[in-house]
PDB file of all heavy atoms in Angstrom:
ATOM      1  N   SER A   1       1.664  -6.514   6.675  1.00  0.00           N
ATOM      2  CA  SER A   1       0.438  -6.555   5.850  1.00  0.00           C
ATOM      3  C   SER A   1      -0.836  -6.347   6.655  1.00  0.00           C
ATOM      4  O   SER A   1      -1.838  -5.903   6.089  1.00  0.00           O
ATOM      5  CB  SER A   1       0.360  -7.915   5.143  1.00  0.00           C
ATOM      6  OG  SER A   1       0.282  -8.997   6.068  1.00  0.00           O
ATOM      7  N   ASP A   2      -0.799  -6.580   7.952  1.00  0.00           N
ATOM      8  CA  ASP A   2      -2.021  -6.388   8.745  1.00  0.00           C
ATOM      9  C   ASP A   2      -2.350  -4.906   8.945  1.00  0.00           C
ATOM     10  O   ASP A   2      -3.443  -4.580   9.433  1.00  0.00           O
ATOM     11  CB  ASP A   2      -1.956  -7.130  10.111  1.00  0.00           C
ATOM     12  CG  ASP A   2      -0.792  -6.645  10.983  1.00  0.00           C
ATOM     13  OD1 ASP A   2      -0.096  -5.670  10.598  1.00  0.00           O
ATOM     14  OD2 ASP A   2      -0.574  -7.266  12.024  1.00  0.00           O
ATOM     15  N   LYS A   3      -1.432  -4.018   8.552  1.00  0.00           N
ATOM     16  CA  LYS A   3      -1.751  -2.601   8.616  1.00  0.00           C
ATOM     17  C   LYS A   3      -2.405  -2.082   7.316  1.00  0.00           C
ATOM     18  O   LYS A   3      -2.879  -0.933   7.284  1.00  0.00           O
ATOM     19  CB  LYS A   3      -0.437  -1.799   8.850  1.00  0.00           C
ATOM     20  CG  LYS A   3       0.145  -2.028  10.230  1.00  0.00           C
ATOM     21  CD  LYS A   3       1.367  -1.127  10.436  1.00  0.00           C
ATOM     22  CE  LYS A   3       1.943  -1.296  11.862  1.00  0.00           C
ATOM     23  NZ  LYS A   3       3.151  -0.452  12.062  1.00  0.00           N
ATOM     24  N   ILE A   4      -2.401  -2.915   6.333  1.00  0.00           N
ATOM     25  CA  ILE A   4      -2.928  -2.494   5.014  1.00  0.00           C
ATOM     26  C   ILE A   4      -4.472  -2.536   5.044  1.00  0.00           C
ATOM     27  O   ILE A   4      -5.036  -3.567   5.389  1.00  0.00           O
ATOM     28  CB  ILE A   4      -2.367  -3.356   3.885  1.00  0.00           C
ATOM     29  CG1 ILE A   4      -0.860  -3.139   3.790  1.00  0.00           C
ATOM     30  CG2 ILE A   4      -3.065  -3.070   2.557  1.00  0.00           C
ATOM     31  CD1 ILE A   4      -0.131  -4.053   2.842  1.00  0.00           C
ATOM     32  N   GLY A   5      -5.065  -1.395   4.719  1.00  0.00           N
ATOM     33  CA  GLY A   5      -6.512  -1.297   4.764  1.00  0.00           C
ATOM     34  C   GLY A   5      -7.011  -0.580   6.000  1.00  0.00           C
ATOM     35  O   GLY A   5      -8.200  -0.287   6.106  1.00  0.00           O
ATOM     36  N   LYS A   6      -6.099  -0.293   6.964  1.00  0.00           N
ATOM     37  CA  LYS A   6      -6.489   0.447   8.143  1.00  0.00           C
ATOM     38  C   LYS A   6      -6.698   1.898   7.783  1.00  0.00           C
ATOM     39  O   LYS A   6      -5.848   2.571   7.206  1.00  0.00           O
ATOM     40  CB  LYS A   6      -5.388   0.343   9.201  1.00  0.00           C
ATOM     41  CG  LYS A   6      -5.381  -0.944   9.986  1.00  0.00           C
ATOM     42  CD  LYS A   6      -4.408  -0.849  11.168  1.00  0.00           C
ATOM     43  CE  LYS A   6      -4.504  -2.083  12.038  1.00  0.00           C
ATOM     44  NZ  LYS A   6      -3.595  -2.002  13.217  1.00  0.00           N
ATOM     45  N   ARG A   7      -7.873   2.410   8.106  1.00  0.00           N
ATOM     46  CA  ARG A   7      -8.199   3.809   7.810  1.00  0.00           C
ATOM     47  C   ARG A   7      -8.032   4.644   9.067  1.00  0.00           C
ATOM     48  O   ARG A   7      -8.885   4.629   9.960  1.00  0.00           O
ATOM     49  CB  ARG A   7      -9.620   3.915   7.271  1.00  0.00           C
ATOM     50  CG  ARG A   7      -9.827   3.089   5.979  1.00  0.00           C
ATOM     51  CD  ARG A   7     -11.261   3.153   5.506  1.00  0.00           C
ATOM     52  NE  ARG A   7     -11.592   4.470   4.998  1.00  0.00           N
ATOM     53  CZ  ARG A   7     -11.432   4.858   3.719  1.00  0.00           C
ATOM     54  NH1 ARG A   7     -10.936   4.012   2.822  1.00  0.00           N
ATOM     55  NH2 ARG A   7     -11.757   6.083   3.325  1.00  0.00           N
ATOM     56  N   ILE A   8      -6.920   5.327   9.112  1.00  0.00           N
ATOM     57  CA  ILE A   8      -6.601   6.237  10.244  1.00  0.00           C
ATOM     58  C   ILE A   8      -6.695   7.663   9.733  1.00  0.00           C
ATOM     59  O   ILE A   8      -6.283   7.968   8.612  1.00  0.00           O
ATOM     60  CB  ILE A   8      -5.160   5.901  10.756  1.00  0.00           C
ATOM     61  CG1 ILE A   8      -5.117   4.465  11.277  1.00  0.00           C
ATOM     62  CG2 ILE A   8      -4.748   6.873  11.859  1.00  0.00           C
ATOM     63  CD1 ILE A   8      -3.718   3.935  11.548  1.00  0.00           C
ATOM     64  N   PRO A   9      -7.284   8.540  10.534  1.00  0.00           N
ATOM     65  CA  PRO A   9      -7.606   9.896  10.028  1.00  0.00           C
ATOM     66  C   PRO A   9      -6.463  10.692   9.444  1.00  0.00           C
ATOM     67  O   PRO A   9      -6.629  11.422   8.462  1.00  0.00           O
ATOM     68  CB  PRO A   9      -8.195  10.610  11.256  1.00  0.00           C
ATOM     69  CG  PRO A   9      -8.684   9.512  12.138  1.00  0.00           C
ATOM     70  CD  PRO A   9      -7.789   8.362  11.909  1.00  0.00           C
ATOM     71  N   ASN A  10      -5.246  10.586  10.027  1.00  0.00           N
ATOM     72  CA  ASN A  10      -4.163  11.493   9.622  1.00  0.00           C
ATOM     73  C   ASN A  10      -3.389  10.935   8.442  1.00  0.00           C
ATOM     74  O   ASN A  10      -2.644   9.955   8.547  1.00  0.00           O
ATOM     75  CB  ASN A  10      -3.193  11.708  10.811  1.00  0.00           C
ATOM     76  CG  ASN A  10      -3.873  12.316  11.999  1.00  0.00           C
ATOM     77  OD1 ASN A  10      -4.683  13.246  11.855  1.00  0.00           O
ATOM     78  ND2 ASN A  10      -3.606  11.789  13.195  1.00  0.00           N
ATOM     79  N   LEU A  11      -3.578  11.537   7.276  1.00  0.00           N
ATOM     80  CA  LEU A  11      -2.796  11.156   6.096  1.00  0.00           C
ATOM     81  C   LEU A  11      -1.383  11.641   6.262  1.00  0.00           C
ATOM     82  O   LEU A  11      -1.135  12.817   6.569  1.00  0.00           O
ATOM     83  CB  LEU A  11      -3.441  11.765   4.829  1.00  0.00           C
ATOM     84  CG  LEU A  11      -2.708  11.467   3.521  1.00  0.00           C
ATOM     85  CD1 LEU A  11      -2.784   9.987   3.157  1.00  0.00           C
ATOM     86  CD2 LEU A  11      -3.263  12.362   2.406  1.00  0.00           C
ATOM     87  N   GLU A  12      -0.428  10.745   6.060  1.00  0.00           N
ATOM     88  CA  GLU A  12       0.988  11.153   6.174  1.00  0.00           C
ATOM     89  C   GLU A  12       1.600  11.402   4.807  1.00  0.00           C
ATOM     90  O   GLU A  12       2.051  12.495   4.528  1.00  0.00           O
ATOM     91  CB  GLU A  12       1.774  10.044   6.934  1.00  0.00           C
ATOM     92  CG  GLU A  12       3.175  10.480   7.329  1.00  0.00           C
ATOM     93  CD  GLU A  12       3.774   9.563   8.351  1.00  0.00           C
ATOM     94  OE1 GLU A  12       3.420   8.375   8.413  1.00  0.00           O
ATOM     95  OE2 GLU A  12       4.589  10.057   9.134  1.00  0.00           O
ATOM     96  N   LEU A  13       1.624  10.373   3.946  1.00  0.00           N
ATOM     97  CA  LEU A  13       2.174  10.520   2.610  1.00  0.00           C
ATOM     98  C   LEU A  13       1.176  10.021   1.597  1.00  0.00           C
ATOM     99  O   LEU A  13       0.752   8.867   1.634  1.00  0.00           O
ATOM    100  CB  LEU A  13       3.501   9.749   2.470  1.00  0.00           C
ATOM    101  CG  LEU A  13       4.694  10.164   3.343  1.00  0.00           C
ATOM    102  CD1 LEU A  13       5.838   9.219   3.140  1.00  0.00           C
ATOM    103  CD2 LEU A  13       5.076  11.601   3.076  1.00  0.00           C
ATOM    104  N   PRO A  14       0.802  10.850   0.609  1.00  0.00           N
ATOM    105  CA  PRO A  14      -0.112  10.384  -0.454  1.00  0.00           C
ATOM    106  C   PRO A  14       0.663   9.447  -1.367  1.00  0.00           C
ATOM    107  O   PRO A  14       1.901   9.469  -1.440  1.00  0.00           O
ATOM    108  CB  PRO A  14      -0.480  11.675  -1.165  1.00  0.00           C
ATOM    109  CG  PRO A  14       0.643  12.620  -0.899  1.00  0.00           C
ATOM    110  CD  PRO A  14       1.153  12.282   0.466  1.00  0.00           C
ATOM    111  N   TRP A  15      -0.079   8.616  -2.095  1.00  0.00           N
ATOM    112  CA  TRP A  15       0.557   7.627  -2.969  1.00  0.00           C
ATOM    113  C   TRP A  15       1.520   8.283  -3.970  1.00  0.00           C
ATOM    114  O   TRP A  15       2.525   7.667  -4.359  1.00  0.00           O
ATOM    115  CB  TRP A  15      -0.499   6.821  -3.730  1.00  0.00           C
ATOM    116  CG  TRP A  15      -1.195   5.803  -2.897  1.00  0.00           C
ATOM    117  CD1 TRP A  15      -2.536   5.654  -2.714  1.00  0.00           C
ATOM    118  CD2 TRP A  15      -0.594   4.752  -2.125  1.00  0.00           C
ATOM    119  NE1 TRP A  15      -2.827   4.629  -1.867  1.00  0.00           N
ATOM    120  CE2 TRP A  15      -1.644   4.026  -1.502  1.00  0.00           C
ATOM    121  CE3 TRP A  15       0.722   4.369  -1.859  1.00  0.00           C
ATOM    122  CZ2 TRP A  15      -1.411   2.942  -0.650  1.00  0.00           C
ATOM    123  CZ3 TRP A  15       0.953   3.279  -1.021  1.00  0.00           C
ATOM    124  CH2 TRP A  15      -0.113   2.584  -0.450  1.00  0.00           C
ATOM    125  N   ALA A  16       1.235   9.508  -4.379  1.00  0.00           N
ATOM    126  CA  ALA A  16       2.097  10.163  -5.358  1.00  0.00           C
ATOM    127  C   ALA A  16       3.517  10.383  -4.843  1.00  0.00           C
ATOM    128  O   ALA A  16       4.444  10.532  -5.632  1.00  0.00           O
ATOM    129  CB  ALA A  16       1.501  11.534  -5.756  1.00  0.00           C
ATOM    130  N   LYS A  17       3.680  10.364  -3.535  1.00  0.00           N
ATOM    131  CA  LYS A  17       5.015  10.544  -2.925  1.00  0.00           C
ATOM    132  C   LYS A  17       5.718   9.209  -2.647  1.00  0.00           C
ATOM    133  O   LYS A  17       6.898   9.214  -2.274  1.00  0.00           O
ATOM    134  CB  LYS A  17       4.880  11.300  -1.611  1.00  0.00           C
ATOM    135  CG  LYS A  17       4.353  12.732  -1.750  1.00  0.00           C
ATOM    136  CD  LYS A  17       5.381  13.619  -2.398  1.00  0.00           C
ATOM    137  CE  LYS A  17       4.967  15.068  -2.436  1.00  0.00           C
ATOM    138  NZ  LYS A  17       5.957  15.936  -3.091  1.00  0.00           N
ATOM    139  N   VAL A  18       5.030   8.111  -2.802  1.00  0.00           N
ATOM    140  CA  VAL A  18       5.599   6.785  -2.423  1.00  0.00           C
ATOM    141  C   VAL A  18       6.123   6.068  -3.660  1.00  0.00           C
ATOM    142  O   VAL A  18       5.412   5.936  -4.663  1.00  0.00           O
ATOM    143  CB  VAL A  18       4.555   5.919  -1.710  1.00  0.00           C
ATOM    144  CG1 VAL A  18       5.138   4.535  -1.373  1.00  0.00           C
ATOM    145  CG2 VAL A  18       4.023   6.599  -0.471  1.00  0.00           C
ATOM    146  N   SER A  19       7.379   5.599  -3.587  1.00  0.00           N
ATOM    147  CA  SER A  19       7.987   4.879  -4.699  1.00  0.00           C
ATOM    148  C   SER A  19       7.792   3.375  -4.559  1.00  0.00           C
ATOM    149  O   SER A  19       7.463   2.684  -5.519  1.00  0.00           O
ATOM    150  CB  SER A  19       9.495   5.199  -4.791  1.00  0.00           C
ATOM    151  OG  SER A  19       9.731   6.579  -4.727  1.00  0.00           O
ATOM    152  N   VAL A  20       8.084   2.879  -3.361  1.00  0.00           N
ATOM    153  CA  VAL A  20       8.049   1.413  -3.096  1.00  0.00           C
ATOM    154  C   VAL A  20       7.349   1.141  -1.762  1.00  0.00           C
ATOM    155  O   VAL A  20       7.547   1.869  -0.792  1.00  0.00           O
ATOM    156  CB  VAL A  20       9.516   0.844  -3.019  1.00  0.00           C
ATOM    157  CG1 VAL A  20       9.499  -0.659  -2.790  1.00  0.00           C
ATOM    158  CG2 VAL A  20      10.321   1.233  -4.247  1.00  0.00           C
ATOM    159  N   LEU A  21       6.552   0.101  -1.757  1.00  0.00           N
ATOM    160  CA  LEU A  21       5.955  -0.423  -0.505  1.00  0.00           C
ATOM    161  C   LEU A  21       6.560  -1.807  -0.276  1.00  0.00           C
ATOM    162  O   LEU A  21       6.464  -2.660  -1.124  1.00  0.00           O
ATOM    163  CB  LEU A  21       4.443  -0.517  -0.620  1.00  0.00           C
ATOM    164  CG  LEU A  21       3.781  -1.104   0.641  1.00  0.00           C
ATOM    165  CD1 LEU A  21       3.755  -0.089   1.755  1.00  0.00           C
ATOM    166  CD2 LEU A  21       2.351  -1.589   0.324  1.00  0.00           C
ATOM    167  N   VAL A  22       7.171  -1.970   0.880  1.00  0.00           N
ATOM    168  CA  VAL A  22       7.702  -3.302   1.259  1.00  0.00           C
ATOM    169  C   VAL A  22       6.827  -3.851   2.374  1.00  0.00           C
ATOM    170  O   VAL A  22       6.688  -3.236   3.430  1.00  0.00           O
ATOM    171  CB  VAL A  22       9.182  -3.196   1.748  1.00  0.00           C
ATOM    172  CG1 VAL A  22       9.734  -4.606   1.998  1.00  0.00           C
ATOM    173  CG2 VAL A  22      10.011  -2.470   0.715  1.00  0.00           C
ATOM    174  N   THR A  23       6.244  -5.012   2.129  1.00  0.00           N
ATOM    175  CA  THR A  23       5.408  -5.661   3.131  1.00  0.00           C
ATOM    176  C   THR A  23       5.596  -7.142   3.041  1.00  0.00           C
ATOM    177  O   THR A  23       6.451  -7.638   2.281  1.00  0.00           O
ATOM    178  CB  THR A  23       3.901  -5.274   2.902  1.00  0.00           C
ATOM    179  OG1 THR A  23       3.123  -5.768   3.958  1.00  0.00           O
ATOM    180  CG2 THR A  23       3.397  -5.841   1.575  1.00  0.00           C
ATOM    181  N   ASP A  24       4.855  -7.922   3.861  1.00  0.00           N
ATOM    182  CA  ASP A  24       5.013  -9.361   3.823  1.00  0.00           C
ATOM    183  C   ASP A  24       4.049  -9.994   2.831  1.00  0.00           C
ATOM    184  O   ASP A  24       3.097  -9.340   2.375  1.00  0.00           O
ATOM    185  CB  ASP A  24       4.848  -9.983   5.236  1.00  0.00           C
ATOM    186  CG  ASP A  24       3.477  -9.683   5.817  1.00  0.00           C
ATOM    187  OD1 ASP A  24       2.499 -10.291   5.366  1.00  0.00           O
ATOM    188  OD2 ASP A  24       3.381  -8.832   6.734  1.00  0.00           O
ATOM    189  N   ASP A  25       4.301 -11.249   2.491  1.00  0.00           N
ATOM    190  CA  ASP A  25       3.561 -11.899   1.413  1.00  0.00           C
ATOM    191  C   ASP A  25       2.182 -12.387   1.820  1.00  0.00           C
ATOM    192  O   ASP A  25       1.516 -13.126   1.058  1.00  0.00           O
ATOM    193  CB  ASP A  25       4.347 -13.050   0.814  1.00  0.00           C
ATOM    194  CG  ASP A  25       4.797 -14.088   1.807  1.00  0.00           C
ATOM    195  OD1 ASP A  25       4.277 -14.062   2.959  1.00  0.00           O
ATOM    196  OD2 ASP A  25       5.666 -14.921   1.478  1.00  0.00           O
ATOM    197  N   ARG A  26       1.671 -11.937   2.972  1.00  0.00           N
ATOM    198  CA  ARG A  26       0.296 -12.242   3.388  1.00  0.00           C
ATOM    199  C   ARG A  26      -0.664 -11.148   2.946  1.00  0.00           C
ATOM    200  O   ARG A  26      -1.873 -11.188   3.263  1.00  0.00           O
ATOM    201  CB  ARG A  26       0.218 -12.453   4.878  1.00  0.00           C
ATOM    202  CG  ARG A  26       1.018 -13.656   5.379  1.00  0.00           C
ATOM    203  CD  ARG A  26       0.922 -13.827   6.871  1.00  0.00           C
ATOM    204  NE  ARG A  26      -0.407 -14.294   7.290  1.00  0.00           N
ATOM    205  CZ  ARG A  26      -0.723 -14.572   8.560  1.00  0.00           C
ATOM    206  NH1 ARG A  26       0.211 -14.463   9.506  1.00  0.00           N
ATOM    207  NH2 ARG A  26      -1.914 -14.982   8.864  1.00  0.00           N
ATOM    208  N   ILE A  27      -0.182 -10.199   2.175  1.00  0.00           N
ATOM    209  CA  ILE A  27      -1.039  -9.124   1.651  1.00  0.00           C
ATOM    210  C   ILE A  27      -2.157  -9.684   0.800  1.00  0.00           C
ATOM    211  O   ILE A  27      -1.945 -10.628   0.026  1.00  0.00           O
ATOM    212  CB  ILE A  27      -0.215  -8.077   0.879  1.00  0.00           C
ATOM    213  CG1 ILE A  27      -1.091  -6.934   0.415  1.00  0.00           C
ATOM    214  CG2 ILE A  27       0.512  -8.725  -0.262  1.00  0.00           C
ATOM    215  CD1 ILE A  27      -0.315  -5.804  -0.251  1.00  0.00           C
ATOM    216  N   ASP A  28      -3.337  -9.154   0.938  1.00  0.00           N
ATOM    217  CA  ASP A  28      -4.484  -9.544   0.126  1.00  0.00           C
ATOM    218  C   ASP A  28      -4.217  -9.210  -1.354  1.00  0.00           C
ATOM    219  O   ASP A  28      -3.713  -8.127  -1.665  1.00  0.00           O
ATOM    220  CB  ASP A  28      -5.746  -8.852   0.639  1.00  0.00           C
ATOM    221  CG  ASP A  28      -6.975  -9.253  -0.152  1.00  0.00           C
ATOM    222  OD1 ASP A  28      -7.511 -10.326   0.108  1.00  0.00           O
ATOM    223  OD2 ASP A  28      -7.376  -8.456  -1.017  1.00  0.00           O
ATOM    224  N   GLU A  29      -4.612 -10.094  -2.243  1.00  0.00           N
ATOM    225  CA  GLU A  29      -4.363  -9.900  -3.690  1.00  0.00           C
ATOM    226  C   GLU A  29      -5.015  -8.635  -4.204  1.00  0.00           C
ATOM    227  O   GLU A  29      -4.459  -7.894  -5.020  1.00  0.00           O
ATOM    228  CB  GLU A  29      -4.828 -11.099  -4.479  1.00  0.00           C
ATOM    229  CG  GLU A  29      -3.930 -12.328  -4.370  1.00  0.00           C
ATOM    230  CD  GLU A  29      -2.567 -12.102  -5.043  1.00  0.00           C
ATOM    231  OE1 GLU A  29      -2.479 -11.300  -5.994  1.00  0.00           O
ATOM    232  OE2 GLU A  29      -1.601 -12.712  -4.588  1.00  0.00           O
ATOM    233  N   SER A  30      -6.236  -8.352  -3.771  1.00  0.00           N
ATOM    234  CA  SER A  30      -6.939  -7.172  -4.248  1.00  0.00           C
ATOM    235  C   SER A  30      -6.243  -5.888  -3.734  1.00  0.00           C
ATOM    236  O   SER A  30      -6.147  -4.887  -4.465  1.00  0.00           O
ATOM    237  CB  SER A  30      -8.413  -7.164  -3.817  1.00  0.00           C
ATOM    238  OG  SER A  30      -8.499  -7.139  -2.388  1.00  0.00           O
ATOM    239  N   ALA A  31      -5.742  -5.944  -2.521  1.00  0.00           N
ATOM    240  CA  ALA A  31      -5.021  -4.789  -1.958  1.00  0.00           C
ATOM    241  C   ALA A  31      -3.714  -4.560  -2.727  1.00  0.00           C
ATOM    242  O   ALA A  31      -3.333  -3.435  -3.020  1.00  0.00           O
ATOM    243  CB  ALA A  31      -4.715  -4.986  -0.481  1.00  0.00           C
ATOM    244  N   LEU A  32      -3.046  -5.647  -3.049  1.00  0.00           N
ATOM    245  CA  LEU A  32      -1.812  -5.580  -3.829  1.00  0.00           C
ATOM    246  C   LEU A  32      -2.051  -4.910  -5.180  1.00  0.00           C
ATOM    247  O   LEU A  32      -1.295  -4.046  -5.597  1.00  0.00           O
ATOM    248  CB  LEU A  32      -1.254  -6.991  -4.055  1.00  0.00           C
ATOM    249  CG  LEU A  32       0.001  -7.140  -4.932  1.00  0.00           C
ATOM    250  CD1 LEU A  32       1.138  -6.309  -4.379  1.00  0.00           C
ATOM    251  CD2 LEU A  32       0.401  -8.619  -5.049  1.00  0.00           C
ATOM    252  N   LYS A  33      -3.155  -5.283  -5.815  1.00  0.00           N
ATOM    253  CA  LYS A  33      -3.495  -4.708  -7.124  1.00  0.00           C
ATOM    254  C   LYS A  33      -3.792  -3.201  -6.999  1.00  0.00           C
ATOM    255  O   LYS A  33      -3.371  -2.373  -7.789  1.00  0.00           O
ATOM    256  CB  LYS A  33      -4.670  -5.419  -7.758  1.00  0.00           C
ATOM    257  CG  LYS A  33      -5.022  -4.891  -9.163  1.00  0.00           C
ATOM    258  CD  LYS A  33      -6.157  -5.665  -9.765  1.00  0.00           C
ATOM    259  CE  LYS A  33      -6.391  -5.207 -11.223  1.00  0.00           C
ATOM    260  NZ  LYS A  33      -6.572  -3.747 -11.382  1.00  0.00           N
ATOM    261  N   GLN A  34      -4.575  -2.828  -5.963  1.00  0.00           N
ATOM    262  CA  GLN A  34      -4.935  -1.446  -5.758  1.00  0.00           C
ATOM    263  C   GLN A  34      -3.709  -0.562  -5.558  1.00  0.00           C
ATOM    264  O   GLN A  34      -3.596   0.573  -6.091  1.00  0.00           O
ATOM    265  CB  GLN A  34      -5.876  -1.274  -4.569  1.00  0.00           C
ATOM    266  CG  GLN A  34      -7.325  -1.760  -4.845  1.00  0.00           C
ATOM    267  CD  GLN A  34      -8.215  -1.444  -3.694  1.00  0.00           C
ATOM    268  OE1 GLN A  34      -8.520  -0.309  -3.369  1.00  0.00           O
ATOM    269  NE2 GLN A  34      -8.669  -2.516  -3.012  1.00  0.00           N
ATOM    270  N   ILE A  35      -2.758  -1.082  -4.779  1.00  0.00           N
ATOM    271  CA  ILE A  35      -1.529  -0.304  -4.505  1.00  0.00           C
ATOM    272  C   ILE A  35      -0.692  -0.209  -5.786  1.00  0.00           C
ATOM    273  O   ILE A  35      -0.164   0.871  -6.140  1.00  0.00           O
ATOM    274  CB  ILE A  35      -0.731  -0.941  -3.369  1.00  0.00           C
ATOM    275  CG1 ILE A  35      -1.541  -0.863  -2.071  1.00  0.00           C
ATOM    276  CG2 ILE A  35       0.624  -0.250  -3.205  1.00  0.00           C
ATOM    277  CD1 ILE A  35      -0.962  -1.689  -0.935  1.00  0.00           C
ATOM    278  N   SER A  36      -0.565  -1.304  -6.507  1.00  0.00           N
ATOM    279  CA  SER A  36       0.213  -1.301  -7.763  1.00  0.00           C
ATOM    280  C   SER A  36      -0.404  -0.363  -8.785  1.00  0.00           C
ATOM    281  O   SER A  36       0.318   0.311  -9.539  1.00  0.00           O
ATOM    282  CB  SER A  36       0.283  -2.733  -8.338  1.00  0.00           C
ATOM    283  OG  SER A  36       0.962  -3.626  -7.444  1.00  0.00           O
ATOM    284  N   ASP A  37      -1.714  -0.301  -8.795  1.00  0.00           N
ATOM    285  CA  ASP A  37      -2.443   0.586  -9.725  1.00  0.00           C
ATOM    286  C   ASP A  37      -2.169   2.070  -9.410  1.00  0.00           C
ATOM    287  O   ASP A  37      -2.413   2.916 -10.275  1.00  0.00           O
ATOM    288  CB  ASP A  37      -3.956   0.336  -9.702  1.00  0.00           C
ATOM    289  CG  ASP A  37      -4.340  -0.969 -10.387  1.00  0.00           C
ATOM    290  OD1 ASP A  37      -3.478  -1.539 -11.097  1.00  0.00           O
ATOM    291  OD2 ASP A  37      -5.479  -1.440 -10.187  1.00  0.00           O
ATOM    292  N   GLN A  38      -1.679   2.367  -8.197  1.00  0.00           N
ATOM    293  CA  GLN A  38      -1.342   3.736  -7.842  1.00  0.00           C
ATOM    294  C   GLN A  38       0.050   4.116  -8.367  1.00  0.00           C
ATOM    295  O   GLN A  38       0.534   5.210  -8.136  1.00  0.00           O
ATOM    296  CB  GLN A  38      -1.391   3.908  -6.342  1.00  0.00           C
ATOM    297  CG  GLN A  38      -2.731   3.705  -5.663  1.00  0.00           C
ATOM    298  CD  GLN A  38      -3.651   4.882  -5.870  1.00  0.00           C
ATOM    299  OE1 GLN A  38      -3.229   5.920  -6.389  1.00  0.00           O
ATOM    300  NE2 GLN A  38      -4.895   4.735  -5.437  1.00  0.00           N
ATOM    301  N   GLY A  39       0.703   3.165  -9.058  1.00  0.00           N
ATOM    302  CA  GLY A  39       2.051   3.428  -9.563  1.00  0.00           C
ATOM    303  C   GLY A  39       3.138   3.134  -8.571  1.00  0.00           C
ATOM    304  O   GLY A  39       4.283   3.550  -8.756  1.00  0.00           O
ATOM    305  N   VAL A  40       2.804   2.357  -7.514  1.00  0.00           N
ATOM    306  CA  VAL A  40       3.767   2.045  -6.466  1.00  0.00           C
ATOM    307  C   VAL A  40       4.284   0.632  -6.673  1.00  0.00           C
ATOM    308  O   VAL A  40       3.519  -0.305  -6.891  1.00  0.00           O
ATOM    309  CB  VAL A  40       3.118   2.147  -5.056  1.00  0.00           C
ATOM    310  CG1 VAL A  40       4.062   1.690  -3.991  1.00  0.00           C
ATOM    311  CG2 VAL A  40       2.634   3.582  -4.805  1.00  0.00           C
ATOM    312  N   ARG A  41       5.613   0.473  -6.633  1.00  0.00           N
ATOM    313  CA  ARG A  41       6.203  -0.858  -6.727  1.00  0.00           C
ATOM    314  C   ARG A  41       6.026  -1.543  -5.394  1.00  0.00           C
ATOM    315  O   ARG A  41       6.299  -0.940  -4.337  1.00  0.00           O
ATOM    316  CB  ARG A  41       7.689  -0.730  -7.064  1.00  0.00           C
ATOM    317  CG  ARG A  41       8.435  -2.057  -7.064  1.00  0.00           C
ATOM    318  CD  ARG A  41       9.934  -1.797  -7.244  1.00  0.00           C
ATOM    319  NE  ARG A  41      10.702  -3.033  -7.083  1.00  0.00           N
ATOM    320  CZ  ARG A  41      12.026  -3.079  -6.992  1.00  0.00           C
ATOM    321  NH1 ARG A  41      12.717  -1.925  -7.020  1.00  0.00           N
ATOM    322  NH2 ARG A  41      12.658  -4.229  -6.852  1.00  0.00           N
ATOM    323  N   VAL A  42       5.591  -2.811  -5.387  1.00  0.00           N
ATOM    324  CA  VAL A  42       5.389  -3.536  -4.148  1.00  0.00           C
ATOM    325  C   VAL A  42       6.413  -4.677  -4.087  1.00  0.00           C
ATOM    326  O   VAL A  42       6.531  -5.484  -5.003  1.00  0.00           O
ATOM    327  CB  VAL A  42       3.955  -4.144  -4.060  1.00  0.00           C
ATOM    328  CG1 VAL A  42       3.793  -4.890  -2.731  1.00  0.00           C
ATOM    329  CG2 VAL A  42       2.941  -3.012  -4.156  1.00  0.00           C
ATOM    330  N   MET A  43       7.161  -4.725  -2.964  1.00  0.00           N
ATOM    331  CA  MET A  43       8.116  -5.819  -2.727  1.00  0.00           C
ATOM    332  C   MET A  43       7.594  -6.678  -1.584  1.00  0.00           C
ATOM    333  O   MET A  43       7.182  -6.122  -0.536  1.00  0.00           O
ATOM    334  CB  MET A  43       9.508  -5.275  -2.386  1.00  0.00           C
ATOM    335  CG  MET A  43      10.175  -4.493  -3.500  1.00  0.00           C
ATOM    336  SD  MET A  43      11.783  -3.832  -3.018  1.00  0.00           S
ATOM    337  CE  MET A  43      12.733  -5.359  -2.809  1.00  0.00           C
TER     338      MET A  43
END
């Protein structure tokens, strides 16, 4: 979860290509919502 929100120049995979994001439960609630709003399932 500490990598979430890090803005690194090189985009690897856009959200449209991602099905599931698996992270730990320390993720910020607002970040969780933003990712879910992209159509990505979060575990």
